[in-house]
Amino acid sequence: MQTTTNKPIVDHISFIPIEAQNDLQDTIQTRPQLPAVVIEREQLNGARVRLTFGGSDVATFIRNESSQVPGSWVKLFVPSLNGEIVGRAYTLRKFDLGKGTFDVDFFTHKNGPASSWAHLAQVGDKIKFAGPRDGGFALNPVSDWLALIGDETCLSAIQVILTKIPSDLSGIVLIEVDHPNEHKPFFVGPNMNLYWIKRTHNGSVSDGALIKSLGETKKLSGSGQAWVAGESSSVIEIRSFLQETWKLDKKDIRTKGYWKKGVAHFRS
C-alpha cells in the first residue's frame, strides 16, 4: 500500500461552492425515521468532523446488507435555524458491527442546517435518520481499472469504495477540494493514483477543474469503469467526456449529482 501525500496538486479553477451533499434531497418515503445518539465526536481537521452514531436501532440498521453497500447513504433529520426539522443526505463513512455504530463525516465551514448542527453536536445529542439508499457502485469483475471522480461531497463514498475493491486494481482518483492540505491523507493500492484538485476562486466564473484535470489524464489500457459524483453540471460534463473521449460504454459509467450550484434542496 502507498500513501498519497506526494501526489501532485492540480492548481486551477474558479469555483463558487455552496453546501454540497447536504442539498441532496432524494426523499426516503418508505423508510421510517429511527432514533440515533451521538456517542463520539472526532475533529478530523479545521472544517471536517466525524460523528459516530449508536443506539439499538442503529445496531439493527447496520446489519442490513443494503447498509453495507459501498457509497450507501442515509437521511439525517436535523433542526434548521427556524426550528423546522429538515432531512439532509450523508454517506455512511464506516460502520462497526461489533459496537453497533456508524460514522458520518461533515463539513462544518459552510452554512446549512446539517453543517451547523454537526458543528455544535456533542456526545449525547439525539437525532433521527432513515435509509439506506444505494450509492450506485458495483465493481465489474472484468474491469481492469476504475476511475473515481468527484468533489469533497463524495469523499466519504470514495474512501469506502476504495476499501471494497481489490488492493491491486489499477485506476485514478480525482477529488476537487478547497484546501488539499486540510484533508488527512489516506491509503490507496499500489496501482491506484490519487490526485487532489485544488479549487480556486475568481468571482463567479468557473473553469471546471475536474474536467480539465481529467482531460490531462491518460486513459488506462484495458476495460474500465467510472464512478462520478458531485456538482450536477460537472457530473454531466464528465460523463460526456468519458463517453465521447474515453469511449466508455454508458453501462460502465455510474453518476450521481449530489448538488447543483445556486440551487437549494436540489434533487438529482
C-alpha atoms as a PDB file:
ATOM      1  CA  MET A   1       0.000   0.000   0.000  1.00  0.00           C
ATOM      2  CA  GLN A   2       1.136   3.544  -0.511  1.00  0.00           C
ATOM      3  CA  THR A   3       0.231   6.914   0.894  1.00  0.00           C
ATOM      4  CA  THR A   4      -0.827   9.742  -1.372  1.00  0.00           C
ATOM      5  CA  THR A   5       0.893  12.627   0.341  1.00  0.00           C
ATOM      6  CA  ASN A   6       3.360  13.070  -2.506  1.00  0.00           C
ATOM      7  CA  LYS A   7       0.790  13.095  -5.254  1.00  0.00           C
ATOM      8  CA  PRO A   8       0.663  16.336  -7.254  1.00  0.00           C
ATOM      9  CA  ILE A   9      -1.883  19.060  -6.577  1.00  0.00           C
ATOM     10  CA  VAL A  10      -3.540  20.429  -9.706  1.00  0.00           C
ATOM     11  CA  ASP A  11      -3.958  24.136  -9.073  1.00  0.00           C
ATOM     12  CA  HIS A  12      -6.572  25.588 -11.354  1.00  0.00           C
ATOM     13  CA  ILE A  13     -10.275  26.529 -11.216  1.00  0.00           C
ATOM     14  CA  SER A  14     -12.584  29.340 -10.383  1.00  0.00           C
ATOM     15  CA  PHE A  15     -15.459  27.955  -8.401  1.00  0.00           C
ATOM     16  CA  ILE A  16     -18.162  29.145  -6.044  1.00  0.00           C
ATOM     17  CA  PRO A  17     -19.006  26.300  -3.664  1.00  0.00           C
ATOM     18  CA  ILE A  18     -22.247  26.010  -1.722  1.00  0.00           C
ATOM     19  CA  GLU A  19     -23.214  23.426   0.868  1.00  0.00           C
ATOM     20  CA  ALA A  20     -22.990  20.288  -1.119  1.00  0.00           C
ATOM     21  CA  GLN A  21     -24.011  16.814  -0.137  1.00  0.00           C
ATOM     22  CA  ASN A  22     -26.405  18.344   2.374  1.00  0.00           C
ATOM     23  CA  ASP A  23     -28.571  19.537  -0.525  1.00  0.00           C
ATOM     24  CA  LEU A  24     -29.179  16.062  -1.884  1.00  0.00           C
ATOM     25  CA  GLN A  25     -32.926  15.790  -1.415  1.00  0.00           C
ATOM     26  CA  ASP A  26     -33.991  12.348  -2.638  1.00  0.00           C
ATOM     27  CA  THR A  27     -36.909  11.576  -0.363  1.00  0.00           C
ATOM     28  CA  ILE A  28     -36.979   8.375   1.636  1.00  0.00           C
ATOM     29  CA  GLN A  29     -40.735   7.945   1.879  1.00  0.00           C
ATOM     30  CA  THR A  30     -40.945   4.241   2.652  1.00  0.00           C
ATOM     31  CA  ARG A  31     -38.292   4.129   5.359  1.00  0.00           C
ATOM     32  CA  PRO A  32     -39.176   5.025   8.938  1.00  0.00           C
ATOM     33  CA  GLN A  33     -37.276   7.639  10.877  1.00  0.00           C
ATOM     34  CA  LEU A  34     -35.198   5.868  13.504  1.00  0.00           C
ATOM     35  CA  PRO A  35     -33.522   7.341  16.592  1.00  0.00           C
ATOM     36  CA  ALA A  36     -29.749   7.587  16.983  1.00  0.00           C
ATOM     37  CA  VAL A  37     -27.467   9.193  19.533  1.00  0.00           C
ATOM     38  CA  VAL A  38     -24.025  10.750  19.090  1.00  0.00           C
ATOM     39  CA  ILE A  39     -21.585   8.583  21.023  1.00  0.00           C
ATOM     40  CA  GLU A  40     -18.308  10.001  19.724  1.00  0.00           C
ATOM     41  CA  ARG A  41     -17.047  13.189  18.084  1.00  0.00           C
ATOM     42  CA  GLU A  42     -13.729  13.439  16.216  1.00  0.00           C
ATOM     43  CA  GLN A  43     -12.402  16.662  14.686  1.00  0.00           C
ATOM     44  CA  LEU A  44     -10.684  15.464  11.505  1.00  0.00           C
ATOM     45  CA  ASN A  45      -9.410  18.922  10.601  1.00  0.00           C
ATOM     46  CA  GLY A  46     -10.475  22.543  10.940  1.00  0.00           C
ATOM     47  CA  ALA A  47     -13.569  22.109   8.783  1.00  0.00           C
ATOM     48  CA  ARG A  48     -14.362  18.409   8.912  1.00  0.00           C
ATOM     49  CA  VAL A  49     -15.832  16.487  11.817  1.00  0.00           C
ATOM     50  CA  ARG A  50     -16.741  12.815  12.173  1.00  0.00           C
ATOM     51  CA  LEU A  51     -19.707  11.860  14.335  1.00  0.00           C
ATOM     52  CA  THR A  52     -20.297   8.298  15.468  1.00  0.00           C
ATOM     53  CA  PHE A  53     -23.941   7.327  15.965  1.00  0.00           C
ATOM     54  CA  GLY A  54     -25.213   4.460  18.070  1.00  0.00           C
ATOM     55  CA  GLY A  55     -28.304   3.016  19.683  1.00  0.00           C
ATOM     56  CA  SER A  56     -30.318  -0.174  19.354  1.00  0.00           C
ATOM     57  CA  ASP A  57     -31.922   0.895  16.073  1.00  0.00           C
ATOM     58  CA  VAL A  58     -28.531   1.808  14.625  1.00  0.00           C
ATOM     59  CA  ALA A  59     -27.146  -1.608  15.594  1.00  0.00           C
ATOM     60  CA  THR A  60     -30.030  -3.325  13.800  1.00  0.00           C
ATOM     61  CA  PHE A  61     -29.822  -0.993  10.800  1.00  0.00           C
ATOM     62  CA  ILE A  62     -26.144  -1.610  10.002  1.00  0.00           C
ATOM     63  CA  ARG A  63     -26.683  -5.373   9.927  1.00  0.00           C
ATOM     64  CA  ASN A  64     -28.879  -4.883   6.872  1.00  0.00           C
ATOM     65  CA  GLU A  65     -26.816  -5.911   3.838  1.00  0.00           C
ATOM     66  CA  SER A  66     -28.012  -2.893   1.872  1.00  0.00           C
ATOM     67  CA  SER A  67     -26.479  -0.619   4.508  1.00  0.00           C
ATOM     68  CA  GLN A  68     -23.085  -2.154   3.825  1.00  0.00           C
ATOM     69  CA  VAL A  69     -23.025  -1.496   0.074  1.00  0.00           C
ATOM     70  CA  PRO A  70     -20.196   0.954  -0.837  1.00  0.00           C
ATOM     71  CA  GLY A  71     -21.497   4.517  -1.061  1.00  0.00           C
ATOM     72  CA  SER A  72     -24.791   3.830   0.732  1.00  0.00           C
ATOM     73  CA  TRP A  73     -26.297   6.918   2.304  1.00  0.00           C
ATOM     74  CA  VAL A  74     -28.919   7.935   4.817  1.00  0.00           C
ATOM     75  CA  LYS A  75     -31.066  10.948   5.512  1.00  0.00           C
ATOM     76  CA  LEU A  76     -30.276  12.705   8.785  1.00  0.00           C
ATOM     77  CA  PHE A  77     -33.068  14.845  10.214  1.00  0.00           C
ATOM     78  CA  VAL A  78     -31.798  17.986  11.922  1.00  0.00           C
ATOM     79  CA  PRO A  79     -33.306  21.270  13.163  1.00  0.00           C
ATOM     80  CA  SER A  80     -32.961  24.293  10.881  1.00  0.00           C
ATOM     81  CA  LEU A  81     -32.476  27.840  12.141  1.00  0.00           C
ATOM     82  CA  ASN A  82     -36.227  28.384  12.267  1.00  0.00           C
ATOM     83  CA  GLY A  83     -36.746  25.191  14.254  1.00  0.00           C
ATOM     84  CA  GLU A  84     -38.128  23.154  11.359  1.00  0.00           C
ATOM     85  CA  ILE A  85     -36.781  19.609  11.084  1.00  0.00           C
ATOM     86  CA  VAL A  86     -35.209  19.009   7.678  1.00  0.00           C
ATOM     87  CA  GLY A  87     -33.586  15.968   6.092  1.00  0.00           C
ATOM     88  CA  ARG A  88     -30.113  16.005   4.578  1.00  0.00           C
ATOM     89  CA  ALA A  89     -28.328  13.120   2.861  1.00  0.00           C
ATOM     90  CA  TYR A  90     -24.979  11.790   4.018  1.00  0.00           C
ATOM     91  CA  THR A  91     -22.834   8.839   3.008  1.00  0.00           C
ATOM     92  CA  LEU A  92     -22.166   6.149   5.585  1.00  0.00           C
ATOM     93  CA  ARG A  93     -18.424   6.549   6.097  1.00  0.00           C
ATOM     94  CA  LYS A  94     -17.861   3.488   8.266  1.00  0.00           C
ATOM     95  CA  PHE A  95     -19.766   1.102  10.480  1.00  0.00           C
ATOM     96  CA  ASP A  96     -18.764  -1.158  13.341  1.00  0.00           C
ATOM     97  CA  LEU A  97     -20.870  -4.303  13.652  1.00  0.00           C
ATOM     98  CA  GLY A  98     -19.328  -5.156  17.000  1.00  0.00           C
ATOM     99  CA  LYS A  99     -20.145  -1.792  18.574  1.00  0.00           C
ATOM    100  CA  GLY A 100     -23.350  -1.298  16.605  1.00  0.00           C
ATOM    101  CA  THR A 101     -22.378   2.140  15.256  1.00  0.00           C
ATOM    102  CA  PHE A 102     -21.975   4.056  12.018  1.00  0.00           C
ATOM    103  CA  ASP A 103     -19.864   7.121  11.228  1.00  0.00           C
ATOM    104  CA  VAL A 104     -20.774  10.187   9.181  1.00  0.00           C
ATOM    105  CA  ASP A 105     -18.304  12.893   8.112  1.00  0.00           C
ATOM    106  CA  PHE A 106     -19.499  16.520   7.999  1.00  0.00           C
ATOM    107  CA  PHE A 107     -18.002  19.689   6.552  1.00  0.00           C
ATOM    108  CA  THR A 108     -18.747  22.445   9.053  1.00  0.00           C
ATOM    109  CA  HIS A 109     -17.288  25.515   7.341  1.00  0.00           C
ATOM    110  CA  LYS A 110     -20.333  26.223   5.137  1.00  0.00           C
ATOM    111  CA  ASN A 111     -23.840  27.358   6.018  1.00  0.00           C
ATOM    112  CA  GLY A 112     -26.662  24.861   6.212  1.00  0.00           C
ATOM    113  CA  PRO A 113     -28.769  23.110   8.843  1.00  0.00           C
ATOM    114  CA  ALA A 114     -26.834  19.822   8.954  1.00  0.00           C
ATOM    115  CA  SER A 115     -23.461  21.544   8.830  1.00  0.00           C
ATOM    116  CA  SER A 116     -24.491  23.943  11.600  1.00  0.00           C
ATOM    117  CA  TRP A 117     -25.899  21.127  13.705  1.00  0.00           C
ATOM    118  CA  ALA A 118     -22.758  18.999  13.327  1.00  0.00           C
ATOM    119  CA  HIS A 119     -20.553  21.972  14.213  1.00  0.00           C
ATOM    120  CA  LEU A 120     -22.174  22.127  17.657  1.00  0.00           C
ATOM    121  CA  ALA A 121     -23.108  18.457  18.138  1.00  0.00           C
ATOM    122  CA  GLN A 122     -21.796  16.774  21.264  1.00  0.00           C
ATOM    123  CA  VAL A 123     -21.810  13.275  22.705  1.00  0.00           C
ATOM    124  CA  GLY A 124     -25.319  12.504  23.935  1.00  0.00           C
ATOM    125  CA  ASP A 125     -27.139  14.584  21.303  1.00  0.00           C
ATOM    126  CA  LYS A 126     -30.026  12.759  19.642  1.00  0.00           C
ATOM    127  CA  ILE A 127     -31.107  12.721  16.028  1.00  0.00           C
ATOM    128  CA  LYS A 128     -33.286  10.683  13.683  1.00  0.00           C
ATOM    129  CA  PHE A 129     -32.246   9.021  10.442  1.00  0.00           C
ATOM    130  CA  ALA A 130     -33.773   6.999   7.599  1.00  0.00           C
ATOM    131  CA  GLY A 131     -32.359   4.814   4.876  1.00  0.00           C
ATOM    132  CA  PRO A 132     -30.336   3.313   3.439  1.00  0.00           C
ATOM    133  CA  ARG A 133     -30.177   4.326  -0.207  1.00  0.00           C
ATOM    134  CA  ASP A 134     -27.851   2.790  -2.785  1.00  0.00           C
ATOM    135  CA  GLY A 135     -24.662   4.698  -3.536  1.00  0.00           C
ATOM    136  CA  GLY A 136     -24.578   3.397  -7.095  1.00  0.00           C
ATOM    137  CA  PHE A 137     -21.314   1.467  -7.101  1.00  0.00           C
ATOM    138  CA  ALA A 138     -20.624  -2.140  -8.046  1.00  0.00           C
ATOM    139  CA  LEU A 139     -17.279  -3.290  -9.422  1.00  0.00           C
ATOM    140  CA  ASN A 140     -17.488  -5.192 -12.676  1.00  0.00           C
ATOM    141  CA  PRO A 141     -15.370  -8.338 -12.236  1.00  0.00           C
ATOM    142  CA  VAL A 142     -13.881  -7.899 -15.717  1.00  0.00           C
ATOM    143  CA  SER A 143     -12.767  -4.296 -15.158  1.00  0.00           C
ATOM    144  CA  ASP A 144      -9.017  -3.746 -15.482  1.00  0.00           C
ATOM    145  CA  TRP A 145      -9.224  -0.294 -13.916  1.00  0.00           C
ATOM    146  CA  LEU A 146     -11.509   2.105 -12.074  1.00  0.00           C
ATOM    147  CA  ALA A 147     -11.839   5.908 -12.129  1.00  0.00           C
ATOM    148  CA  LEU A 148     -13.356   7.643  -9.096  1.00  0.00           C
ATOM    149  CA  ILE A 149     -14.106  11.309  -9.724  1.00  0.00           C
ATOM    150  CA  GLY A 150     -15.812  13.967  -7.623  1.00  0.00           C
ATOM    151  CA  ASP A 151     -15.535  16.764  -5.088  1.00  0.00           C
ATOM    152  CA  GLU A 152     -15.372  16.786  -1.294  1.00  0.00           C
ATOM    153  CA  THR A 153     -19.068  15.945  -1.055  1.00  0.00           C
ATOM    154  CA  CYS A 154     -18.348  12.401  -2.226  1.00  0.00           C
ATOM    155  CA  LEU A 155     -15.081  11.982  -0.332  1.00  0.00           C
ATOM    156  CA  SER A 156     -16.646   9.561   2.150  1.00  0.00           C
ATOM    157  CA  ALA A 157     -18.140   7.443  -0.630  1.00  0.00           C
ATOM    158  CA  ILE A 158     -14.823   7.306  -2.487  1.00  0.00           C
ATOM    159  CA  GLN A 159     -12.958   6.265   0.642  1.00  0.00           C
ATOM    160  CA  VAL A 160     -15.463   3.493   1.306  1.00  0.00           C
ATOM    161  CA  ILE A 161     -15.307   2.272  -2.305  1.00  0.00           C
ATOM    162  CA  LEU A 162     -11.514   2.097  -2.103  1.00  0.00           C
ATOM    163  CA  THR A 163     -11.792  -0.300   0.839  1.00  0.00           C
ATOM    164  CA  LYS A 164     -14.064  -2.632  -1.128  1.00  0.00           C
ATOM    165  CA  ILE A 165     -12.031  -3.144  -4.310  1.00  0.00           C
ATOM    166  CA  PRO A 166      -9.049  -5.468  -4.907  1.00  0.00           C
ATOM    167  CA  SER A 167      -5.901  -3.874  -3.477  1.00  0.00           C
ATOM    168  CA  ASP A 168      -4.018  -4.339  -6.769  1.00  0.00           C
ATOM    169  CA  LEU A 169      -6.690  -2.807  -9.023  1.00  0.00           C
ATOM    170  CA  SER A 170      -5.395  -0.026 -11.270  1.00  0.00           C
ATOM    171  CA  GLY A 171      -7.063   3.346 -11.504  1.00  0.00           C
ATOM    172  CA  ILE A 172      -7.215   7.039 -10.742  1.00  0.00           C
ATOM    173  CA  VAL A 173      -8.966   9.119  -8.086  1.00  0.00           C
ATOM    174  CA  LEU A 174      -9.616  12.821  -8.771  1.00  0.00           C
ATOM    175  CA  ILE A 175     -11.041  14.845  -5.883  1.00  0.00           C
ATOM    176  CA  GLU A 176     -11.706  18.583  -6.095  1.00  0.00           C
ATOM    177  CA  VAL A 177     -11.365  20.432  -2.776  1.00  0.00           C
ATOM    178  CA  ASP A 178     -10.791  23.943  -1.470  1.00  0.00           C
ATOM    179  CA  HIS A 179      -7.712  23.125   0.591  1.00  0.00           C
ATOM    180  CA  PRO A 180      -5.947  19.813  -0.084  1.00  0.00           C
ATOM    181  CA  ASN A 181      -3.770  20.211   2.989  1.00  0.00           C
ATOM    182  CA  GLU A 182      -6.873  20.194   5.215  1.00  0.00           C
ATOM    183  CA  HIS A 183      -7.550  16.579   4.359  1.00  0.00           C
ATOM    184  CA  LYS A 184      -5.933  13.677   6.118  1.00  0.00           C
ATOM    185  CA  PRO A 185      -4.012  11.502   3.681  1.00  0.00           C
ATOM    186  CA  PHE A 186      -5.459   8.068   3.126  1.00  0.00           C
ATOM    187  CA  PHE A 187      -4.127   4.932   1.532  1.00  0.00           C
ATOM    188  CA  VAL A 188      -4.798   3.530  -1.901  1.00  0.00           C
ATOM    189  CA  GLY A 189      -3.493   0.441  -3.673  1.00  0.00           C
ATOM    190  CA  PRO A 190      -0.079   0.484  -5.358  1.00  0.00           C
ATOM    191  CA  ASN A 191      -1.666   0.806  -8.812  1.00  0.00           C
ATOM    192  CA  MET A 192      -4.204   3.472  -7.859  1.00  0.00           C
ATOM    193  CA  ASN A 193      -3.192   7.139  -8.208  1.00  0.00           C
ATOM    194  CA  LEU A 194      -4.914   9.795  -6.099  1.00  0.00           C
ATOM    195  CA  TYR A 195      -4.855  13.465  -7.127  1.00  0.00           C
ATOM    196  CA  TRP A 196      -6.196  16.349  -5.061  1.00  0.00           C
ATOM    197  CA  ILE A 197      -7.545  19.008  -7.437  1.00  0.00           C
ATOM    198  CA  LYS A 198      -7.245  22.425  -5.818  1.00  0.00           C
ATOM    199  CA  ARG A 199     -10.228  24.703  -6.268  1.00  0.00           C
ATOM    200  CA  THR A 200      -9.510  28.413  -6.654  1.00  0.00           C
ATOM    201  CA  HIS A 201     -11.932  31.328  -6.661  1.00  0.00           C
ATOM    202  CA  ASN A 202     -12.240  34.144  -9.133  1.00  0.00           C
ATOM    203  CA  GLY A 203     -15.546  35.937  -8.859  1.00  0.00           C
ATOM    204  CA  SER A 204     -18.447  33.901 -10.156  1.00  0.00           C
ATOM    205  CA  VAL A 205     -16.617  32.237 -13.064  1.00  0.00           C
ATOM    206  CA  SER A 206     -15.900  28.510 -13.017  1.00  0.00           C
ATOM    207  CA  ASP A 207     -13.254  26.988 -15.265  1.00  0.00           C
ATOM    208  CA  GLY A 208     -14.013  23.331 -14.479  1.00  0.00           C
ATOM    209  CA  ALA A 209     -11.068  21.935 -12.544  1.00  0.00           C
ATOM    210  CA  LEU A 210     -12.204  18.329 -12.644  1.00  0.00           C
ATOM    211  CA  ILE A 211     -12.869  18.176 -16.369  1.00  0.00           C
ATOM    212  CA  LYS A 212      -9.582  19.991 -17.078  1.00  0.00           C
ATOM    213  CA  SER A 213      -7.672  17.555 -14.931  1.00  0.00           C
ATOM    214  CA  LEU A 214      -9.448  14.594 -16.485  1.00  0.00           C
ATOM    215  CA  GLY A 215      -8.558  15.931 -19.929  1.00  0.00           C
ATOM    216  CA  GLU A 216      -4.898  15.952 -18.887  1.00  0.00           C
ATOM    217  CA  THR A 217      -5.080  12.386 -17.599  1.00  0.00           C
ATOM    218  CA  LYS A 218      -4.117   9.480 -19.808  1.00  0.00           C
ATOM    219  CA  LYS A 219      -6.747   6.787 -20.103  1.00  0.00           C
ATOM    220  CA  LEU A 220      -5.603   3.460 -18.740  1.00  0.00           C
ATOM    221  CA  SER A 221      -5.438   0.479 -21.065  1.00  0.00           C
ATOM    222  CA  GLY A 222      -7.906  -2.350 -20.994  1.00  0.00           C
ATOM    223  CA  SER A 223     -11.516  -2.437 -19.898  1.00  0.00           C
ATOM    224  CA  GLY A 224     -12.501   0.097 -17.252  1.00  0.00           C
ATOM    225  CA  GLN A 225     -15.353   1.764 -15.475  1.00  0.00           C
ATOM    226  CA  ALA A 226     -16.021   5.081 -13.733  1.00  0.00           C
ATOM    227  CA  TRP A 227     -17.967   6.315 -10.727  1.00  0.00           C
ATOM    228  CA  VAL A 228     -18.630  10.063 -10.715  1.00  0.00           C
ATOM    229  CA  ALA A 229     -20.447  12.208  -8.150  1.00  0.00           C
ATOM    230  CA  GLY A 230     -20.595  15.827  -7.017  1.00  0.00           C
ATOM    231  CA  GLU A 231     -21.949  19.040  -8.511  1.00  0.00           C
ATOM    232  CA  SER A 232     -24.626  18.173 -11.073  1.00  0.00           C
ATOM    233  CA  SER A 233     -23.357  20.238 -14.024  1.00  0.00           C
ATOM    234  CA  SER A 234     -19.811  18.983 -13.520  1.00  0.00           C
ATOM    235  CA  VAL A 235     -21.015  15.387 -13.327  1.00  0.00           C
ATOM    236  CA  ILE A 236     -22.900  15.734 -16.626  1.00  0.00           C
ATOM    237  CA  GLU A 237     -19.837  17.229 -18.326  1.00  0.00           C
ATOM    238  CA  ILE A 238     -17.553  14.500 -17.022  1.00  0.00           C
ATOM    239  CA  ARG A 239     -19.972  11.790 -18.098  1.00  0.00           C
ATOM    240  CA  SER A 240     -19.994  13.191 -21.633  1.00  0.00           C
ATOM    241  CA  PHE A 241     -16.186  13.297 -21.678  1.00  0.00           C
ATOM    242  CA  LEU A 242     -15.930   9.681 -20.540  1.00  0.00           C
ATOM    243  CA  GLN A 243     -18.329   8.545 -23.245  1.00  0.00           C
ATOM    244  CA  GLU A 244     -17.108  10.725 -26.111  1.00  0.00           C
ATOM    245  CA  THR A 245     -13.361  10.943 -25.446  1.00  0.00           C
ATOM    246  CA  TRP A 246     -12.520   7.859 -23.412  1.00  0.00           C
ATOM    247  CA  LYS A 247     -15.177   5.848 -25.286  1.00  0.00           C
ATOM    248  CA  LEU A 248     -16.524   4.212 -22.166  1.00  0.00           C
ATOM    249  CA  ASP A 249     -19.789   2.397 -22.612  1.00  0.00           C
ATOM    250  CA  LYS A 250     -22.746   4.005 -20.864  1.00  0.00           C
ATOM    251  CA  LYS A 251     -23.192   0.905 -18.692  1.00  0.00           C
ATOM    252  CA  ASP A 252     -19.650   1.331 -17.350  1.00  0.00           C
ATOM    253  CA  ILE A 253     -20.304   4.847 -16.022  1.00  0.00           C
ATOM    254  CA  ARG A 254     -22.269   5.456 -12.838  1.00  0.00           C
ATOM    255  CA  THR A 255     -23.019   9.078 -11.977  1.00  0.00           C
ATOM    256  CA  LYS A 256     -24.821  10.990  -9.246  1.00  0.00           C
ATOM    257  CA  GLY A 257     -25.431  14.724  -8.932  1.00  0.00           C
ATOM    258  CA  TYR A 258     -25.226  15.369  -5.210  1.00  0.00           C
ATOM    259  CA  TRP A 259     -25.887  19.098  -5.542  1.00  0.00           C
ATOM    260  CA  LYS A 260     -26.213  21.985  -8.014  1.00  0.00           C
ATOM    261  CA  LYS A 261     -24.628  25.428  -7.774  1.00  0.00           C
ATOM    262  CA  GLY A 262     -27.150  28.067  -6.800  1.00  0.00           C
ATOM    263  CA  VAL A 263     -29.962  25.578  -6.198  1.00  0.00           C
ATOM    264  CA  ALA A 264     -31.140  24.841  -2.682  1.00  0.00           C
ATOM    265  CA  HIS A 265     -32.722  21.479  -1.904  1.00  0.00           C
ATOM    266  CA  PHE A 266     -31.511  20.050  -5.227  1.00  0.00           C
ATOM    267  CA  ARG A 267     -32.967  16.702  -6.307  1.00  0.00           C
ATOM    268  CA  SER A 268     -30.928  14.625  -8.734  1.00  0.00           C
END
